[in-house]
């Protein structure tokens, strides 16, 4: 699997589609969303693309000088990671209760529960169940803190993604008086940002002179 690993490589169209659909397959080079043979990602592929996307988000925030993007992203990721641990642990414990299979219980250690199988299992399972209650409370607190920090300042565009890529491309063409049409499927995210920086600087200069 060959993937775009930076804003210098990733087309702005693909980045826009990820923001719109959360489909990380748009990071894969030569991915065609209209093809009939597109397969689902394996867990290892998804993990790899999530790591790449995290780096791209960091790079994007640096290029746009928008630190709020990083703070929001970190907050959301922390919530997702804790929810994954909670929900997966519940599923494992439910399966263990039905089967009493210690191999099933060993899956908990992949979630960092640290079950010692040289000791009796049941007291440790009870401890995990108790800790899960605390984890559920932690998740609720994280969500409240996230809402307090970000929701008050969010607009509809932050919570409901609005696709304006085509109109933005046309605005960029007009603002820079380009003699060609921008191909958003080929233009990289970093070049897109650079061109918008130039366009905004020209607009500021013209407004100052008028």
N, C-alpha and C. Protein backbone atom coordinates (compact mmCIF):
# COMPACT_ATOMS: atom_id res chain seq x y z
N UNK A 1 0.84 -1.20 0.00
CA UNK A 1 0.00 0.00 0.00
C UNK A 1 0.87 1.25 0.00
N UNK A 2 0.79 2.04 -1.05
CA UNK A 2 1.53 3.29 -1.16
C UNK A 2 0.60 4.45 -0.83
N UNK A 3 1.02 5.26 0.12
CA UNK A 3 0.15 6.35 0.59
C UNK A 3 0.85 7.69 0.52
N UNK A 4 0.05 8.75 0.38
CA UNK A 4 0.56 10.11 0.51
C UNK A 4 0.87 10.35 1.99
N UNK A 5 2.08 10.81 2.27
CA UNK A 5 2.50 10.92 3.67
C UNK A 5 2.72 12.36 4.13
N UNK A 6 2.48 13.32 3.26
CA UNK A 6 2.65 14.70 3.68
C UNK A 6 1.77 15.62 2.85
N UNK A 7 1.67 16.85 3.29
CA UNK A 7 0.88 17.85 2.56
C UNK A 7 1.52 18.20 1.22
N UNK A 8 2.81 17.90 1.07
CA UNK A 8 3.48 18.16 -0.20
C UNK A 8 3.07 17.16 -1.28
N UNK A 9 2.56 16.02 -0.85
CA UNK A 9 2.18 14.97 -1.79
C UNK A 9 0.65 14.83 -1.93
N UNK A 10 -0.04 14.96 -0.82
CA UNK A 10 -1.49 14.73 -0.81
C UNK A 10 -2.24 15.80 -1.59
N UNK A 11 -3.04 15.41 -2.59
CA UNK A 11 -3.84 16.40 -3.33
C UNK A 11 -4.89 17.04 -2.43
N UNK A 12 -5.19 18.30 -2.68
CA UNK A 12 -6.18 19.00 -1.88
C UNK A 12 -7.55 18.35 -2.02
N UNK A 13 -7.84 17.76 -3.19
CA UNK A 13 -9.12 17.05 -3.37
C UNK A 13 -9.24 15.90 -2.39
N UNK A 14 -8.17 15.11 -2.26
CA UNK A 14 -8.19 13.96 -1.35
C UNK A 14 -8.34 14.41 0.10
N UNK A 15 -7.61 15.47 0.46
CA UNK A 15 -7.70 15.99 1.82
C UNK A 15 -9.12 16.46 2.12
N UNK A 16 -9.71 17.12 1.16
CA UNK A 16 -11.09 17.60 1.31
C UNK A 16 -12.06 16.44 1.49
N UNK A 17 -11.84 15.36 0.74
CA UNK A 17 -12.72 14.19 0.84
C UNK A 17 -12.58 13.50 2.19
N UNK A 18 -11.37 13.48 2.74
CA UNK A 18 -11.19 12.89 4.07
C UNK A 18 -11.94 13.70 5.12
N UNK A 19 -11.83 15.02 5.02
CA UNK A 19 -12.55 15.89 5.96
C UNK A 19 -14.06 15.68 5.84
N UNK A 20 -14.51 15.44 4.62
CA UNK A 20 -15.95 15.31 4.37
C UNK A 20 -16.49 13.93 4.75
N UNK A 21 -15.71 12.88 4.48
CA UNK A 21 -16.22 11.51 4.63
C UNK A 21 -15.52 10.69 5.71
N UNK A 22 -14.35 11.17 6.19
CA UNK A 22 -13.51 10.42 7.15
C UNK A 22 -12.99 9.11 6.56
N UNK A 23 -12.98 9.00 5.24
CA UNK A 23 -12.50 7.80 4.56
C UNK A 23 -11.00 7.95 4.30
N UNK A 24 -10.20 7.24 5.10
CA UNK A 24 -8.75 7.38 5.00
C UNK A 24 -8.17 6.71 3.76
N UNK A 25 -8.98 6.02 3.00
CA UNK A 25 -8.48 5.43 1.76
C UNK A 25 -8.06 6.51 0.76
N UNK A 26 -8.52 7.74 0.97
CA UNK A 26 -8.10 8.84 0.10
C UNK A 26 -6.63 9.20 0.31
N UNK A 27 -6.00 8.63 1.34
CA UNK A 27 -4.56 8.81 1.51
C UNK A 27 -3.77 7.88 0.59
N UNK A 28 -4.42 6.83 0.10
CA UNK A 28 -3.75 5.85 -0.74
C UNK A 28 -3.57 6.40 -2.15
N UNK A 29 -2.35 6.30 -2.64
CA UNK A 29 -2.07 6.76 -4.00
C UNK A 29 -2.86 5.93 -5.00
N UNK A 30 -3.38 6.59 -6.00
CA UNK A 30 -4.17 5.95 -7.07
C UNK A 30 -5.51 5.40 -6.59
N UNK A 31 -5.94 5.78 -5.37
CA UNK A 31 -7.26 5.34 -4.91
C UNK A 31 -8.35 6.02 -5.75
N UNK A 32 -9.28 5.22 -6.23
CA UNK A 32 -10.39 5.73 -7.04
C UNK A 32 -11.69 5.39 -6.33
N UNK A 33 -12.35 6.42 -5.80
CA UNK A 33 -13.58 6.18 -5.03
C UNK A 33 -14.71 5.64 -5.87
N UNK A 34 -14.59 5.74 -7.20
CA UNK A 34 -15.66 5.28 -8.09
C UNK A 34 -15.43 3.87 -8.63
N UNK A 35 -14.30 3.26 -8.27
CA UNK A 35 -14.00 1.91 -8.74
C UNK A 35 -14.89 0.89 -8.03
N UNK A 36 -15.19 -0.19 -8.73
CA UNK A 36 -16.07 -1.22 -8.17
C UNK A 36 -15.32 -2.21 -7.29
N UNK A 37 -13.99 -2.25 -7.42
CA UNK A 37 -13.22 -3.28 -6.71
C UNK A 37 -12.51 -2.75 -5.47
N UNK A 38 -12.94 -1.62 -4.94
CA UNK A 38 -12.32 -1.09 -3.73
C UNK A 38 -12.62 -1.98 -2.53
N UNK A 39 -11.56 -2.43 -1.86
CA UNK A 39 -11.76 -3.30 -0.70
C UNK A 39 -11.68 -2.50 0.59
N UNK A 40 -12.21 -3.09 1.65
CA UNK A 40 -12.14 -2.44 2.95
C UNK A 40 -10.73 -2.55 3.50
N UNK A 41 -10.35 -1.61 4.33
CA UNK A 41 -9.02 -1.62 4.91
C UNK A 41 -8.92 -2.67 6.00
N UNK A 42 -7.76 -3.32 6.09
CA UNK A 42 -7.50 -4.22 7.21
C UNK A 42 -7.16 -3.37 8.44
N UNK A 43 -7.14 -3.99 9.61
CA UNK A 43 -6.85 -3.23 10.84
C UNK A 43 -5.44 -2.65 10.80
N UNK A 44 -4.48 -3.41 10.26
CA UNK A 44 -3.10 -2.92 10.19
C UNK A 44 -2.99 -1.76 9.20
N UNK A 45 -3.70 -1.85 8.08
CA UNK A 45 -3.70 -0.76 7.10
C UNK A 45 -4.35 0.48 7.69
N UNK A 46 -5.45 0.29 8.41
CA UNK A 46 -6.14 1.42 9.03
C UNK A 46 -5.25 2.10 10.05
N UNK A 47 -4.55 1.31 10.85
CA UNK A 47 -3.64 1.89 11.85
C UNK A 47 -2.53 2.69 11.19
N UNK A 48 -2.01 2.16 10.08
CA UNK A 48 -0.95 2.85 9.35
C UNK A 48 -1.45 4.19 8.79
N UNK A 49 -2.65 4.17 8.22
CA UNK A 49 -3.20 5.39 7.63
C UNK A 49 -3.58 6.41 8.70
N UNK A 50 -4.04 5.93 9.85
CA UNK A 50 -4.37 6.85 10.95
C UNK A 50 -3.12 7.59 11.43
N UNK A 51 -2.00 6.87 11.50
CA UNK A 51 -0.74 7.51 11.91
C UNK A 51 -0.29 8.54 10.88
N UNK A 52 -0.43 8.20 9.61
CA UNK A 52 -0.06 9.13 8.54
C UNK A 52 -0.95 10.37 8.59
N UNK A 53 -2.25 10.15 8.77
CA UNK A 53 -3.20 11.27 8.78
C UNK A 53 -2.93 12.20 9.97
N UNK A 54 -2.55 11.61 11.09
CA UNK A 54 -2.22 12.42 12.27
C UNK A 54 -1.06 13.36 11.95
N UNK A 55 -0.03 12.84 11.29
CA UNK A 55 1.11 13.67 10.91
C UNK A 55 0.71 14.76 9.92
N UNK A 56 -0.18 14.41 9.00
CA UNK A 56 -0.63 15.38 8.00
C UNK A 56 -1.42 16.50 8.66
N UNK A 57 -2.25 16.15 9.64
CA UNK A 57 -3.02 17.17 10.37
C UNK A 57 -2.06 18.12 11.10
N UNK A 58 -1.02 17.56 11.71
CA UNK A 58 -0.03 18.40 12.38
C UNK A 58 0.65 19.34 11.38
N UNK A 59 1.04 18.78 10.24
CA UNK A 59 1.69 19.58 9.21
C UNK A 59 0.75 20.66 8.69
N UNK A 60 -0.51 20.30 8.49
CA UNK A 60 -1.50 21.26 7.98
C UNK A 60 -1.68 22.42 8.96
N UNK A 61 -1.72 22.10 10.23
CA UNK A 61 -1.91 23.15 11.24
C UNK A 61 -0.72 24.10 11.28
N UNK A 62 0.48 23.54 11.03
CA UNK A 62 1.67 24.39 11.00
C UNK A 62 1.65 25.30 9.77
N UNK A 63 1.26 24.74 8.63
CA UNK A 63 1.22 25.52 7.40
C UNK A 63 0.18 26.63 7.46
N UNK A 64 -0.94 26.36 8.12
CA UNK A 64 -2.02 27.34 8.18
C UNK A 64 -1.93 28.21 9.44
N UNK A 65 -0.94 27.90 10.30
CA UNK A 65 -0.77 28.64 11.57
C UNK A 65 -2.03 28.55 12.44
N UNK A 66 -2.71 27.41 12.35
CA UNK A 66 -3.96 27.23 13.11
C UNK A 66 -3.75 26.19 14.20
N UNK A 67 -3.39 26.64 15.40
CA UNK A 67 -3.13 25.73 16.52
C UNK A 67 -4.41 25.10 17.07
N UNK A 68 -5.55 25.74 16.81
CA UNK A 68 -6.81 25.19 17.30
C UNK A 68 -7.11 23.84 16.67
N UNK A 69 -6.66 23.66 15.42
CA UNK A 69 -6.88 22.39 14.73
C UNK A 69 -6.22 21.25 15.51
N UNK A 70 -4.97 21.48 15.96
CA UNK A 70 -4.25 20.45 16.70
C UNK A 70 -4.91 20.16 18.04
N UNK A 71 -5.27 21.21 18.77
CA UNK A 71 -5.89 21.03 20.08
C UNK A 71 -7.20 20.26 19.96
N UNK A 72 -8.00 20.62 18.97
CA UNK A 72 -9.27 19.94 18.74
C UNK A 72 -9.04 18.49 18.36
N UNK A 73 -8.07 18.25 17.49
CA UNK A 73 -7.76 16.91 17.02
C UNK A 73 -7.30 16.02 18.18
N UNK A 74 -6.38 16.54 19.01
CA UNK A 74 -5.88 15.77 20.15
C UNK A 74 -7.01 15.42 21.11
N UNK A 75 -7.89 16.38 21.34
CA UNK A 75 -9.02 16.15 22.25
C UNK A 75 -9.94 15.05 21.72
N UNK A 76 -10.24 15.13 20.42
CA UNK A 76 -11.11 14.12 19.82
C UNK A 76 -10.47 12.74 19.83
N UNK A 77 -9.16 12.68 19.52
CA UNK A 77 -8.45 11.40 19.50
C UNK A 77 -8.44 10.76 20.88
N UNK A 78 -8.22 11.57 21.92
CA UNK A 78 -8.21 11.05 23.29
C UNK A 78 -9.56 10.43 23.64
N UNK A 79 -10.63 11.08 23.25
CA UNK A 79 -11.97 10.54 23.50
C UNK A 79 -12.17 9.23 22.74
N UNK A 80 -11.79 9.22 21.47
CA UNK A 80 -11.97 8.02 20.63
C UNK A 80 -11.17 6.85 21.19
N UNK A 81 -9.92 7.11 21.61
CA UNK A 81 -9.06 6.05 22.13
C UNK A 81 -9.65 5.44 23.41
N UNK A 82 -10.15 6.29 24.28
CA UNK A 82 -10.74 5.79 25.53
C UNK A 82 -12.05 5.07 25.28
N UNK A 83 -12.84 5.55 24.34
CA UNK A 83 -14.08 4.87 23.99
C UNK A 83 -13.80 3.50 23.38
N UNK A 84 -12.76 3.43 22.55
CA UNK A 84 -12.38 2.15 21.95
C UNK A 84 -11.98 1.15 23.04
N UNK A 85 -11.16 1.60 23.99
CA UNK A 85 -10.73 0.73 25.08
C UNK A 85 -11.93 0.25 25.90
N UNK A 86 -12.84 1.17 26.19
CA UNK A 86 -14.02 0.81 27.00
C UNK A 86 -14.92 -0.18 26.25
N UNK A 87 -15.28 0.14 25.04
CA UNK A 87 -16.22 -0.70 24.29
C UNK A 87 -15.63 -2.07 23.97
N UNK A 88 -14.35 -2.10 23.60
CA UNK A 88 -13.71 -3.38 23.28
C UNK A 88 -13.57 -4.25 24.53
N UNK A 89 -13.24 -3.62 25.65
CA UNK A 89 -13.12 -4.37 26.91
C UNK A 89 -14.45 -4.98 27.32
N UNK A 90 -15.52 -4.24 27.15
CA UNK A 90 -16.85 -4.76 27.46
C UNK A 90 -17.16 -5.98 26.60
N UNK A 91 -16.83 -5.92 25.33
CA UNK A 91 -17.07 -7.04 24.42
C UNK A 91 -16.25 -8.27 24.82
N UNK A 92 -14.98 -8.04 25.19
CA UNK A 92 -14.12 -9.15 25.60
C UNK A 92 -14.65 -9.80 26.88
N UNK A 93 -15.03 -8.99 27.83
CA UNK A 93 -15.55 -9.53 29.10
C UNK A 93 -16.86 -10.27 28.89
N UNK A 94 -17.68 -9.78 28.00
CA UNK A 94 -18.94 -10.45 27.71
C UNK A 94 -18.67 -11.83 27.10
N UNK A 95 -17.70 -11.89 26.18
CA UNK A 95 -17.36 -13.16 25.55
C UNK A 95 -16.72 -14.11 26.56
N UNK A 96 -15.88 -13.57 27.44
CA UNK A 96 -15.25 -14.41 28.47
C UNK A 96 -16.29 -14.98 29.43
N UNK A 97 -17.28 -14.17 29.79
CA UNK A 97 -18.35 -14.64 30.68
C UNK A 97 -19.10 -15.82 30.06
N UNK A 98 -19.25 -15.78 28.75
CA UNK A 98 -19.99 -16.84 28.06
C UNK A 98 -19.15 -18.09 27.84
N UNK A 99 -17.82 -17.92 27.68
CA UNK A 99 -16.97 -19.05 27.32
C UNK A 99 -16.01 -19.49 28.42
N UNK A 100 -15.67 -18.57 29.35
CA UNK A 100 -14.65 -18.80 30.38
C UNK A 100 -13.32 -19.25 29.76
N UNK A 101 -13.07 -18.77 28.56
CA UNK A 101 -11.86 -19.10 27.82
C UNK A 101 -10.77 -18.08 28.17
N UNK A 102 -9.67 -18.54 28.78
CA UNK A 102 -8.60 -17.63 29.19
C UNK A 102 -7.91 -16.98 27.99
N UNK A 103 -7.93 -17.65 26.84
CA UNK A 103 -7.35 -17.04 25.65
C UNK A 103 -8.11 -15.78 25.25
N UNK A 104 -9.42 -15.78 25.51
CA UNK A 104 -10.23 -14.59 25.26
C UNK A 104 -9.83 -13.48 26.23
N UNK A 105 -9.63 -13.88 27.49
CA UNK A 105 -9.28 -12.91 28.52
C UNK A 105 -7.92 -12.27 28.25
N UNK A 106 -7.03 -13.01 27.60
CA UNK A 106 -5.70 -12.48 27.28
C UNK A 106 -5.77 -11.26 26.36
N UNK A 107 -6.88 -11.14 25.65
CA UNK A 107 -7.05 -9.98 24.76
C UNK A 107 -7.09 -8.67 25.54
N UNK A 108 -7.45 -8.75 26.82
CA UNK A 108 -7.49 -7.54 27.63
C UNK A 108 -6.11 -6.90 27.78
N UNK A 109 -5.08 -7.73 27.76
CA UNK A 109 -3.73 -7.19 27.92
C UNK A 109 -3.29 -6.37 26.71
N UNK A 110 -3.93 -6.60 25.56
CA UNK A 110 -3.65 -5.76 24.40
C UNK A 110 -4.20 -4.35 24.60
N UNK A 111 -5.12 -4.23 25.56
CA UNK A 111 -5.70 -2.92 25.88
C UNK A 111 -5.06 -2.34 27.14
N UNK A 112 -3.92 -2.93 27.54
CA UNK A 112 -3.12 -2.42 28.66
C UNK A 112 -3.80 -2.62 30.02
N UNK A 113 -4.53 -3.74 30.19
CA UNK A 113 -5.14 -4.02 31.49
C UNK A 113 -4.20 -4.79 32.40
N UNK A 114 -3.18 -5.44 31.82
CA UNK A 114 -2.14 -6.12 32.61
C UNK A 114 -2.70 -7.23 33.51
N UNK A 115 -3.42 -8.17 32.94
CA UNK A 115 -3.90 -9.33 33.68
C UNK A 115 -2.74 -10.29 33.90
N UNK A 116 -2.52 -10.71 35.13
CA UNK A 116 -1.46 -11.67 35.47
C UNK A 116 -2.08 -13.07 35.51
N UNK A 117 -1.72 -13.89 34.53
CA UNK A 117 -2.35 -15.20 34.42
C UNK A 117 -1.71 -16.25 35.32
N UNK A 118 -0.73 -15.84 36.11
CA UNK A 118 -0.20 -16.73 37.14
C UNK A 118 -1.02 -16.61 38.43
N UNK A 119 -1.92 -15.63 38.44
CA UNK A 119 -2.79 -15.44 39.60
C UNK A 119 -4.23 -15.78 39.21
N UNK A 120 -5.10 -15.83 40.21
CA UNK A 120 -6.50 -16.15 39.97
C UNK A 120 -7.14 -15.07 39.09
N UNK A 121 -7.91 -15.52 38.13
CA UNK A 121 -8.46 -14.61 37.12
C UNK A 121 -9.63 -13.78 37.65
N UNK A 122 -10.54 -14.41 38.38
CA UNK A 122 -11.80 -13.74 38.73
C UNK A 122 -11.62 -12.42 39.50
N UNK A 123 -10.73 -12.37 40.52
CA UNK A 123 -10.55 -11.08 41.21
C UNK A 123 -10.02 -9.99 40.27
N UNK A 124 -9.18 -10.39 39.32
CA UNK A 124 -8.63 -9.41 38.38
C UNK A 124 -9.71 -8.94 37.40
N UNK A 125 -10.59 -9.85 37.02
CA UNK A 125 -11.72 -9.47 36.15
C UNK A 125 -12.62 -8.48 36.88
N UNK A 126 -12.87 -8.75 38.16
CA UNK A 126 -13.69 -7.83 38.95
C UNK A 126 -13.04 -6.45 39.03
N UNK A 127 -11.72 -6.43 39.14
CA UNK A 127 -10.99 -5.15 39.18
C UNK A 127 -11.13 -4.41 37.85
N UNK A 128 -11.05 -5.13 36.74
CA UNK A 128 -11.21 -4.51 35.43
C UNK A 128 -12.61 -3.91 35.30
N UNK A 129 -13.61 -4.66 35.75
CA UNK A 129 -15.00 -4.18 35.67
C UNK A 129 -15.16 -2.89 36.48
N UNK A 130 -14.53 -2.85 37.65
CA UNK A 130 -14.59 -1.64 38.48
C UNK A 130 -13.88 -0.48 37.78
N UNK A 131 -12.72 -0.77 37.20
CA UNK A 131 -11.96 0.27 36.49
C UNK A 131 -12.71 0.76 35.26
N UNK A 132 -13.48 -0.11 34.63
CA UNK A 132 -14.26 0.29 33.46
C UNK A 132 -15.31 1.32 33.84
N UNK A 133 -15.85 1.19 35.04
CA UNK A 133 -16.81 2.18 35.51
C UNK A 133 -16.15 3.55 35.63
N UNK A 134 -14.91 3.55 36.15
CA UNK A 134 -14.16 4.80 36.26
C UNK A 134 -13.80 5.34 34.87
N UNK A 135 -13.48 4.43 33.94
CA UNK A 135 -13.14 4.85 32.59
C UNK A 135 -14.35 5.49 31.90
N UNK A 136 -15.53 4.93 32.14
CA UNK A 136 -16.74 5.51 31.57
C UNK A 136 -16.96 6.93 32.06
N UNK A 137 -16.71 7.14 33.35
CA UNK A 137 -16.81 8.48 33.92
C UNK A 137 -15.78 9.42 33.31
N UNK A 138 -14.56 8.90 33.11
CA UNK A 138 -13.49 9.70 32.50
C UNK A 138 -13.88 10.15 31.10
N UNK A 139 -14.47 9.25 30.33
CA UNK A 139 -14.90 9.57 28.97
C UNK A 139 -15.95 10.68 28.99
N UNK A 140 -16.90 10.58 29.91
CA UNK A 140 -17.94 11.60 30.02
C UNK A 140 -17.33 12.96 30.35
N UNK A 141 -16.32 12.97 31.25
CA UNK A 141 -15.66 14.23 31.62
C UNK A 141 -14.89 14.80 30.44
N UNK A 142 -14.19 13.92 29.69
CA UNK A 142 -13.44 14.37 28.52
C UNK A 142 -14.36 15.02 27.50
N UNK A 143 -15.54 14.45 27.32
CA UNK A 143 -16.50 15.00 26.36
C UNK A 143 -17.02 16.36 26.82
N UNK A 144 -17.29 16.47 28.11
CA UNK A 144 -17.76 17.76 28.65
C UNK A 144 -16.69 18.83 28.47
N UNK A 145 -15.43 18.48 28.79
CA UNK A 145 -14.33 19.43 28.65
C UNK A 145 -14.12 19.82 27.19
N UNK A 146 -14.27 18.83 26.30
CA UNK A 146 -14.13 19.13 24.87
C UNK A 146 -15.20 20.12 24.42
N UNK A 147 -16.44 19.87 24.84
CA UNK A 147 -17.54 20.76 24.46
C UNK A 147 -17.33 22.16 25.02
N UNK A 148 -16.87 22.23 26.28
CA UNK A 148 -16.65 23.53 26.90
C UNK A 148 -15.56 24.32 26.17
N UNK A 149 -14.55 23.60 25.69
CA UNK A 149 -13.41 24.29 25.06
C UNK A 149 -13.67 24.67 23.61
N UNK A 150 -14.40 23.79 22.91
CA UNK A 150 -14.52 23.98 21.46
C UNK A 150 -15.92 24.33 20.96
N UNK A 151 -16.95 23.79 21.60
CA UNK A 151 -18.29 23.95 21.04
C UNK A 151 -18.75 25.40 21.04
N UNK A 152 -18.42 26.16 22.09
CA UNK A 152 -18.88 27.55 22.17
C UNK A 152 -18.35 28.39 21.02
N UNK A 153 -17.18 28.01 20.51
CA UNK A 153 -16.56 28.78 19.44
C UNK A 153 -16.77 28.19 18.06
N UNK A 154 -17.46 27.04 18.02
CA UNK A 154 -17.67 26.38 16.74
C UNK A 154 -18.85 27.00 16.00
N UNK A 155 -18.70 27.08 14.70
CA UNK A 155 -19.80 27.51 13.86
C UNK A 155 -20.41 26.29 13.20
N UNK A 156 -21.43 26.49 12.42
CA UNK A 156 -22.06 25.38 11.70
C UNK A 156 -21.05 24.70 10.80
N UNK A 157 -20.11 25.48 10.25
CA UNK A 157 -19.12 24.91 9.35
C UNK A 157 -18.17 23.97 10.08
N UNK A 158 -17.97 24.17 11.41
CA UNK A 158 -17.11 23.28 12.18
C UNK A 158 -17.78 21.96 12.47
N UNK A 159 -19.08 21.97 12.71
CA UNK A 159 -19.80 20.77 13.11
C UNK A 159 -20.45 20.05 11.95
N UNK A 160 -20.75 20.77 10.89
CA UNK A 160 -21.36 20.16 9.70
C UNK A 160 -20.53 20.57 8.50
N UNK A 161 -19.73 19.64 8.01
CA UNK A 161 -18.78 20.00 6.96
C UNK A 161 -19.49 20.44 5.69
N UNK A 162 -19.06 21.59 5.17
CA UNK A 162 -19.63 22.13 3.94
C UNK A 162 -18.55 22.11 2.87
N UNK A 163 -18.83 21.41 1.77
CA UNK A 163 -17.85 21.25 0.70
C UNK A 163 -17.88 22.47 -0.21
N UNK A 164 -16.80 23.28 -0.13
CA UNK A 164 -16.71 24.47 -0.97
C UNK A 164 -15.45 24.43 -1.83
N UNK A 165 -14.89 23.27 -2.06
CA UNK A 165 -13.62 23.17 -2.74
C UNK A 165 -13.67 23.77 -4.14
N UNK A 166 -14.70 23.44 -4.91
CA UNK A 166 -14.79 23.95 -6.28
C UNK A 166 -14.90 25.47 -6.31
N UNK A 167 -15.77 26.02 -5.44
CA UNK A 167 -15.94 27.48 -5.43
C UNK A 167 -14.68 28.16 -4.92
N UNK A 168 -13.96 27.53 -3.99
CA UNK A 168 -12.71 28.10 -3.50
C UNK A 168 -11.66 28.09 -4.60
N UNK A 169 -11.65 27.03 -5.41
CA UNK A 169 -10.70 26.96 -6.52
C UNK A 169 -10.96 28.09 -7.52
N UNK A 170 -12.23 28.34 -7.80
CA UNK A 170 -12.59 29.42 -8.73
C UNK A 170 -12.20 30.77 -8.13
N UNK A 171 -12.44 30.94 -6.85
CA UNK A 171 -12.04 32.20 -6.19
C UNK A 171 -10.54 32.41 -6.26
N UNK A 172 -9.79 31.33 -6.10
CA UNK A 172 -8.34 31.41 -6.18
C UNK A 172 -7.88 31.76 -7.59
N UNK A 173 -8.51 31.16 -8.58
CA UNK A 173 -8.19 31.47 -9.98
C UNK A 173 -8.42 32.95 -10.29
N UNK A 174 -9.55 33.47 -9.80
CA UNK A 174 -9.88 34.88 -10.05
C UNK A 174 -8.97 35.81 -9.25
N UNK A 175 -8.73 35.44 -7.98
CA UNK A 175 -7.91 36.29 -7.11
C UNK A 175 -6.49 36.43 -7.59
N UNK A 176 -5.94 35.35 -8.16
CA UNK A 176 -4.56 35.39 -8.65
C UNK A 176 -4.50 35.65 -10.16
N UNK A 177 -5.68 35.81 -10.76
CA UNK A 177 -5.78 36.07 -12.21
C UNK A 177 -5.03 35.01 -13.01
N UNK A 178 -5.30 33.75 -12.66
CA UNK A 178 -4.63 32.64 -13.33
C UNK A 178 -5.18 32.46 -14.74
N UNK A 179 -4.32 32.02 -15.62
CA UNK A 179 -4.74 31.78 -17.01
C UNK A 179 -5.13 30.33 -17.23
N UNK A 180 -5.21 29.58 -16.14
CA UNK A 180 -5.58 28.16 -16.24
C UNK A 180 -6.51 27.80 -15.09
N UNK A 181 -7.21 26.67 -15.26
CA UNK A 181 -8.10 26.18 -14.19
C UNK A 181 -7.32 25.28 -13.25
N UNK A 182 -7.56 25.43 -11.97
CA UNK A 182 -6.87 24.61 -10.97
C UNK A 182 -7.45 23.20 -10.98
N UNK A 183 -6.57 22.22 -11.07
CA UNK A 183 -6.98 20.81 -10.97
C UNK A 183 -6.78 20.37 -9.53
N UNK A 184 -7.86 20.33 -8.75
CA UNK A 184 -7.75 20.02 -7.32
C UNK A 184 -7.33 18.58 -7.06
N UNK A 185 -7.46 17.72 -8.08
CA UNK A 185 -7.03 16.33 -7.92
C UNK A 185 -5.52 16.18 -8.05
N UNK A 186 -4.86 17.23 -8.57
CA UNK A 186 -3.41 17.18 -8.75
C UNK A 186 -2.67 18.15 -7.84
N UNK A 187 -3.31 19.27 -7.48
CA UNK A 187 -2.63 20.27 -6.65
C UNK A 187 -2.48 19.77 -5.22
N UNK A 188 -1.25 19.87 -4.69
CA UNK A 188 -1.00 19.41 -3.33
C UNK A 188 -1.60 20.36 -2.29
N UNK A 189 -1.80 19.84 -1.09
CA UNK A 189 -2.33 20.65 0.01
C UNK A 189 -1.40 21.82 0.31
N UNK A 190 -0.09 21.57 0.33
CA UNK A 190 0.86 22.64 0.67
C UNK A 190 0.86 23.74 -0.39
N UNK A 191 0.78 23.37 -1.67
CA UNK A 191 0.74 24.38 -2.72
C UNK A 191 -0.58 25.17 -2.66
N UNK A 192 -1.67 24.49 -2.36
CA UNK A 192 -2.98 25.13 -2.21
C UNK A 192 -2.91 26.20 -1.13
N UNK A 193 -2.33 25.85 0.01
CA UNK A 193 -2.22 26.80 1.12
C UNK A 193 -1.33 27.98 0.73
N UNK A 194 -0.21 27.69 0.06
CA UNK A 194 0.71 28.76 -0.36
C UNK A 194 0.03 29.73 -1.31
N UNK A 195 -0.75 29.20 -2.24
CA UNK A 195 -1.44 30.06 -3.20
C UNK A 195 -2.50 30.91 -2.51
N UNK A 196 -3.18 30.34 -1.53
CA UNK A 196 -4.17 31.12 -0.79
C UNK A 196 -3.50 32.21 0.05
N UNK A 197 -2.33 31.89 0.60
CA UNK A 197 -1.58 32.91 1.36
C UNK A 197 -1.22 34.09 0.46
N UNK A 198 -0.79 33.79 -0.76
CA UNK A 198 -0.45 34.85 -1.72
C UNK A 198 -1.70 35.64 -2.09
N UNK A 199 -2.79 34.93 -2.35
CA UNK A 199 -4.05 35.58 -2.72
C UNK A 199 -4.54 36.51 -1.61
N UNK A 200 -4.49 36.03 -0.37
CA UNK A 200 -4.94 36.85 0.76
C UNK A 200 -4.03 38.07 0.95
N UNK A 201 -2.72 37.87 0.73
CA UNK A 201 -1.78 39.00 0.86
C UNK A 201 -2.05 40.06 -0.20
N UNK A 202 -2.36 39.62 -1.42
CA UNK A 202 -2.68 40.56 -2.50
C UNK A 202 -3.97 41.31 -2.19
N UNK A 203 -4.96 40.60 -1.64
CA UNK A 203 -6.23 41.24 -1.28
C UNK A 203 -6.04 42.28 -0.20
N UNK A 204 -5.20 41.94 0.79
CA UNK A 204 -4.93 42.89 1.88
C UNK A 204 -4.24 44.13 1.35
N UNK A 205 -3.29 43.93 0.44
CA UNK A 205 -2.56 45.06 -0.15
C UNK A 205 -3.50 45.95 -0.95
N UNK A 206 -4.35 45.31 -1.75
CA UNK A 206 -5.29 46.09 -2.59
C UNK A 206 -6.30 46.84 -1.73
N UNK A 207 -6.76 46.20 -0.64
CA UNK A 207 -7.71 46.87 0.24
C UNK A 207 -7.07 48.04 0.96
N UNK A 208 -5.78 47.87 1.26
CA UNK A 208 -5.07 48.96 1.94
C UNK A 208 -4.84 50.15 1.04
N UNK A 209 -4.68 49.89 -0.28
CA UNK A 209 -4.43 50.96 -1.21
C UNK A 209 -5.71 51.66 -1.67
N UNK A 210 -6.85 50.98 -1.51
CA UNK A 210 -8.12 51.56 -1.98
C UNK A 210 -8.68 52.55 -0.98
